[in-house]
């Protein structure tokens, strides 16, 4: 027996309503993750991630989250829907800046993008 249910995901975007996608149509092409407890990630007080998904038509979604258990801090989300040919690397740096984590995390995500053939 095969499970035919289509997995969907709702992604928070900046300056526009969230989008709902079918995961199979928007595969992840790059990601970077951070935790304040890399030895035991499930015990982390702060975590962050940035991900890039791309549709076959060339559009991309860059989105990030920052989650915290610290009193006085708030969870943050940011995301951008990009047209075909848009600068994905610049969008990654923008999202990482929005969620307040280091540029090192952005650099890791950019490095995880598929290589360009030149």
C-alpha atoms as a PDB file:
ATOM      1  CA  UNK A   1       0.000   0.000   0.000  1.00  0.00           C
ATOM      2  CA  UNK A   2       1.317   3.442  -0.946  1.00  0.00           C
ATOM      3  CA  UNK A   3       0.678   6.664   0.934  1.00  0.00           C
ATOM      4  CA  UNK A   4      -0.617   9.078  -1.698  1.00  0.00           C
ATOM      5  CA  UNK A   5      -0.988  12.089   0.582  1.00  0.00           C
ATOM      6  CA  UNK A   6       0.888  15.093  -0.782  1.00  0.00           C
ATOM      7  CA  UNK A   7       3.124  16.754   1.806  1.00  0.00           C
ATOM      8  CA  UNK A   8       2.656  20.491   1.948  1.00  0.00           C
ATOM      9  CA  UNK A   9       4.499  23.171   3.884  1.00  0.00           C
ATOM     10  CA  UNK A  10       3.475  26.698   4.810  1.00  0.00           C
ATOM     11  CA  UNK A  11       6.380  29.145   4.691  1.00  0.00           C
ATOM     12  CA  UNK A  12       6.377  32.561   6.362  1.00  0.00           C
ATOM     13  CA  UNK A  13       7.530  35.325   4.043  1.00  0.00           C
ATOM     14  CA  UNK A  14       8.561  38.899   4.796  1.00  0.00           C
ATOM     15  CA  UNK A  15       6.314  41.727   3.574  1.00  0.00           C
ATOM     16  CA  UNK A  16       3.663  39.393   2.139  1.00  0.00           C
ATOM     17  CA  UNK A  17       1.341  36.578   3.277  1.00  0.00           C
ATOM     18  CA  UNK A  18       2.740  33.079   3.819  1.00  0.00           C
ATOM     19  CA  UNK A  19       2.815  30.628   0.916  1.00  0.00           C
ATOM     20  CA  UNK A  20       1.771  26.981   0.917  1.00  0.00           C
ATOM     21  CA  UNK A  21       3.854  24.700  -1.295  1.00  0.00           C
ATOM     22  CA  UNK A  22       3.908  21.049  -2.256  1.00  0.00           C
ATOM     23  CA  UNK A  23       7.286  19.854  -0.996  1.00  0.00           C
ATOM     24  CA  UNK A  24       7.837  17.527  -3.965  1.00  0.00           C
ATOM     25  CA  UNK A  25       7.495  20.487  -6.354  1.00  0.00           C
ATOM     26  CA  UNK A  26       9.874  22.707  -4.352  1.00  0.00           C
ATOM     27  CA  UNK A  27      12.903  20.558  -3.415  1.00  0.00           C
ATOM     28  CA  UNK A  28      15.445  21.932  -0.972  1.00  0.00           C
ATOM     29  CA  UNK A  29      18.647  22.891  -2.761  1.00  0.00           C
ATOM     30  CA  UNK A  30      20.624  24.371   0.154  1.00  0.00           C
ATOM     31  CA  UNK A  31      20.468  24.747   3.924  1.00  0.00           C
ATOM     32  CA  UNK A  32      22.476  25.783   6.950  1.00  0.00           C
ATOM     33  CA  UNK A  33      21.651  25.168  10.603  1.00  0.00           C
ATOM     34  CA  UNK A  34      23.006  26.449  13.906  1.00  0.00           C
ATOM     35  CA  UNK A  35      22.465  25.568  17.540  1.00  0.00           C
ATOM     36  CA  UNK A  36      23.943  26.910  20.764  1.00  0.00           C
ATOM     37  CA  UNK A  37      24.491  23.292  21.882  1.00  0.00           C
ATOM     38  CA  UNK A  38      26.050  21.393  18.972  1.00  0.00           C
ATOM     39  CA  UNK A  39      27.024  18.468  21.230  1.00  0.00           C
ATOM     40  CA  UNK A  40      23.374  17.755  22.119  1.00  0.00           C
ATOM     41  CA  UNK A  41      21.137  19.663  19.674  1.00  0.00           C
ATOM     42  CA  UNK A  42      17.854  18.553  21.307  1.00  0.00           C
ATOM     43  CA  UNK A  43      18.947  20.374  24.477  1.00  0.00           C
ATOM     44  CA  UNK A  44      19.664  23.645  22.674  1.00  0.00           C
ATOM     45  CA  UNK A  45      18.250  26.920  23.982  1.00  0.00           C
ATOM     46  CA  UNK A  46      18.664  28.678  20.636  1.00  0.00           C
ATOM     47  CA  UNK A  47      18.482  27.276  17.104  1.00  0.00           C
ATOM     48  CA  UNK A  48      18.462  28.823  13.661  1.00  0.00           C
ATOM     49  CA  UNK A  49      18.121  27.556  10.131  1.00  0.00           C
ATOM     50  CA  UNK A  50      18.063  28.993   6.648  1.00  0.00           C
ATOM     51  CA  UNK A  51      16.818  26.976   3.675  1.00  0.00           C
ATOM     52  CA  UNK A  52      16.474  27.402  -0.051  1.00  0.00           C
ATOM     53  CA  UNK A  53      13.844  25.604  -2.137  1.00  0.00           C
ATOM     54  CA  UNK A  54      13.577  25.893  -5.897  1.00  0.00           C
ATOM     55  CA  UNK A  55      10.749  25.087  -8.287  1.00  0.00           C
ATOM     56  CA  UNK A  56      11.417  23.539 -11.708  1.00  0.00           C
ATOM     57  CA  UNK A  57      10.349  26.842 -13.313  1.00  0.00           C
ATOM     58  CA  UNK A  58      13.304  28.630 -11.655  1.00  0.00           C
ATOM     59  CA  UNK A  59      11.498  30.466  -8.851  1.00  0.00           C
ATOM     60  CA  UNK A  60      13.089  30.091  -5.430  1.00  0.00           C
ATOM     61  CA  UNK A  61      12.079  30.545  -1.812  1.00  0.00           C
ATOM     62  CA  UNK A  62      14.693  31.524   0.762  1.00  0.00           C
ATOM     63  CA  UNK A  63      13.474  31.335   4.356  1.00  0.00           C
ATOM     64  CA  UNK A  64      14.886  31.249   7.843  1.00  0.00           C
ATOM     65  CA  UNK A  65      13.856  30.744  11.443  1.00  0.00           C
ATOM     66  CA  UNK A  66      15.385  31.611  14.799  1.00  0.00           C
ATOM     67  CA  UNK A  67      13.927  29.832  17.845  1.00  0.00           C
ATOM     68  CA  UNK A  68      14.809  30.615  21.437  1.00  0.00           C
ATOM     69  CA  UNK A  69      13.952  29.410  24.909  1.00  0.00           C
ATOM     70  CA  UNK A  70      15.532  32.462  26.574  1.00  0.00           C
ATOM     71  CA  UNK A  71      13.215  34.754  28.527  1.00  0.00           C
ATOM     72  CA  UNK A  72      12.876  38.133  26.858  1.00  0.00           C
ATOM     73  CA  UNK A  73      13.841  36.855  23.403  1.00  0.00           C
ATOM     74  CA  UNK A  74      11.401  36.147  20.594  1.00  0.00           C
ATOM     75  CA  UNK A  75      11.307  33.613  17.795  1.00  0.00           C
ATOM     76  CA  UNK A  76      11.890  35.177  14.383  1.00  0.00           C
ATOM     77  CA  UNK A  77      10.966  34.142  10.836  1.00  0.00           C
ATOM     78  CA  UNK A  78      11.816  35.662   7.491  1.00  0.00           C
ATOM     79  CA  UNK A  79      11.419  34.590   3.893  1.00  0.00           C
ATOM     80  CA  UNK A  80      11.572  35.757   0.306  1.00  0.00           C
ATOM     81  CA  UNK A  81       9.919  34.458  -2.844  1.00  0.00           C
ATOM     82  CA  UNK A  82      12.314  35.047  -5.741  1.00  0.00           C
ATOM     83  CA  UNK A  83      11.645  35.225  -9.471  1.00  0.00           C
ATOM     84  CA  UNK A  84      13.624  33.061 -11.867  1.00  0.00           C
ATOM     85  CA  UNK A  85      17.162  34.395 -12.188  1.00  0.00           C
ATOM     86  CA  UNK A  86      17.088  36.420  -8.952  1.00  0.00           C
ATOM     87  CA  UNK A  87      20.213  36.612  -6.783  1.00  0.00           C
ATOM     88  CA  UNK A  88      19.694  33.717  -4.356  1.00  0.00           C
ATOM     89  CA  UNK A  89      22.948  34.382  -2.493  1.00  0.00           C
ATOM     90  CA  UNK A  90      21.947  37.987  -1.750  1.00  0.00           C
ATOM     91  CA  UNK A  91      18.541  36.774  -0.556  1.00  0.00           C
ATOM     92  CA  UNK A  92      20.210  34.296   1.805  1.00  0.00           C
ATOM     93  CA  UNK A  93      22.273  37.083   3.387  1.00  0.00           C
ATOM     94  CA  UNK A  94      19.131  39.226   3.719  1.00  0.00           C
ATOM     95  CA  UNK A  95      17.133  36.490   5.449  1.00  0.00           C
ATOM     96  CA  UNK A  96      20.005  35.655   7.796  1.00  0.00           C
ATOM     97  CA  UNK A  97      20.275  39.339   8.692  1.00  0.00           C
ATOM     98  CA  UNK A  98      16.506  39.485   9.344  1.00  0.00           C
ATOM     99  CA  UNK A  99      16.648  36.590  11.826  1.00  0.00           C
ATOM    100  CA  UNK A 100      19.692  38.040  13.572  1.00  0.00           C
ATOM    101  CA  UNK A 101      22.288  35.310  13.138  1.00  0.00           C
ATOM    102  CA  UNK A 102      25.846  35.574  11.867  1.00  0.00           C
ATOM    103  CA  UNK A 103      26.968  35.979   8.284  1.00  0.00           C
ATOM    104  CA  UNK A 104      28.880  32.716   8.763  1.00  0.00           C
ATOM    105  CA  UNK A 105      25.570  30.880   8.593  1.00  0.00           C
ATOM    106  CA  UNK A 106      24.711  32.677   5.349  1.00  0.00           C
ATOM    107  CA  UNK A 107      28.103  31.766   3.903  1.00  0.00           C
ATOM    108  CA  UNK A 108      27.499  28.103   4.802  1.00  0.00           C
ATOM    109  CA  UNK A 109      24.129  28.136   3.034  1.00  0.00           C
ATOM    110  CA  UNK A 110      25.544  29.850  -0.057  1.00  0.00           C
ATOM    111  CA  UNK A 111      28.322  27.248  -0.159  1.00  0.00           C
ATOM    112  CA  UNK A 112      25.645  24.521  -0.058  1.00  0.00           C
ATOM    113  CA  UNK A 113      23.954  25.845  -3.246  1.00  0.00           C
ATOM    114  CA  UNK A 114      24.402  23.782  -6.405  1.00  0.00           C
ATOM    115  CA  UNK A 115      27.610  24.732  -8.227  1.00  0.00           C
ATOM    116  CA  UNK A 116      27.307  26.974 -11.270  1.00  0.00           C
ATOM    117  CA  UNK A 117      28.867  25.674 -14.445  1.00  0.00           C
ATOM    118  CA  UNK A 118      31.025  28.373 -16.047  1.00  0.00           C
END
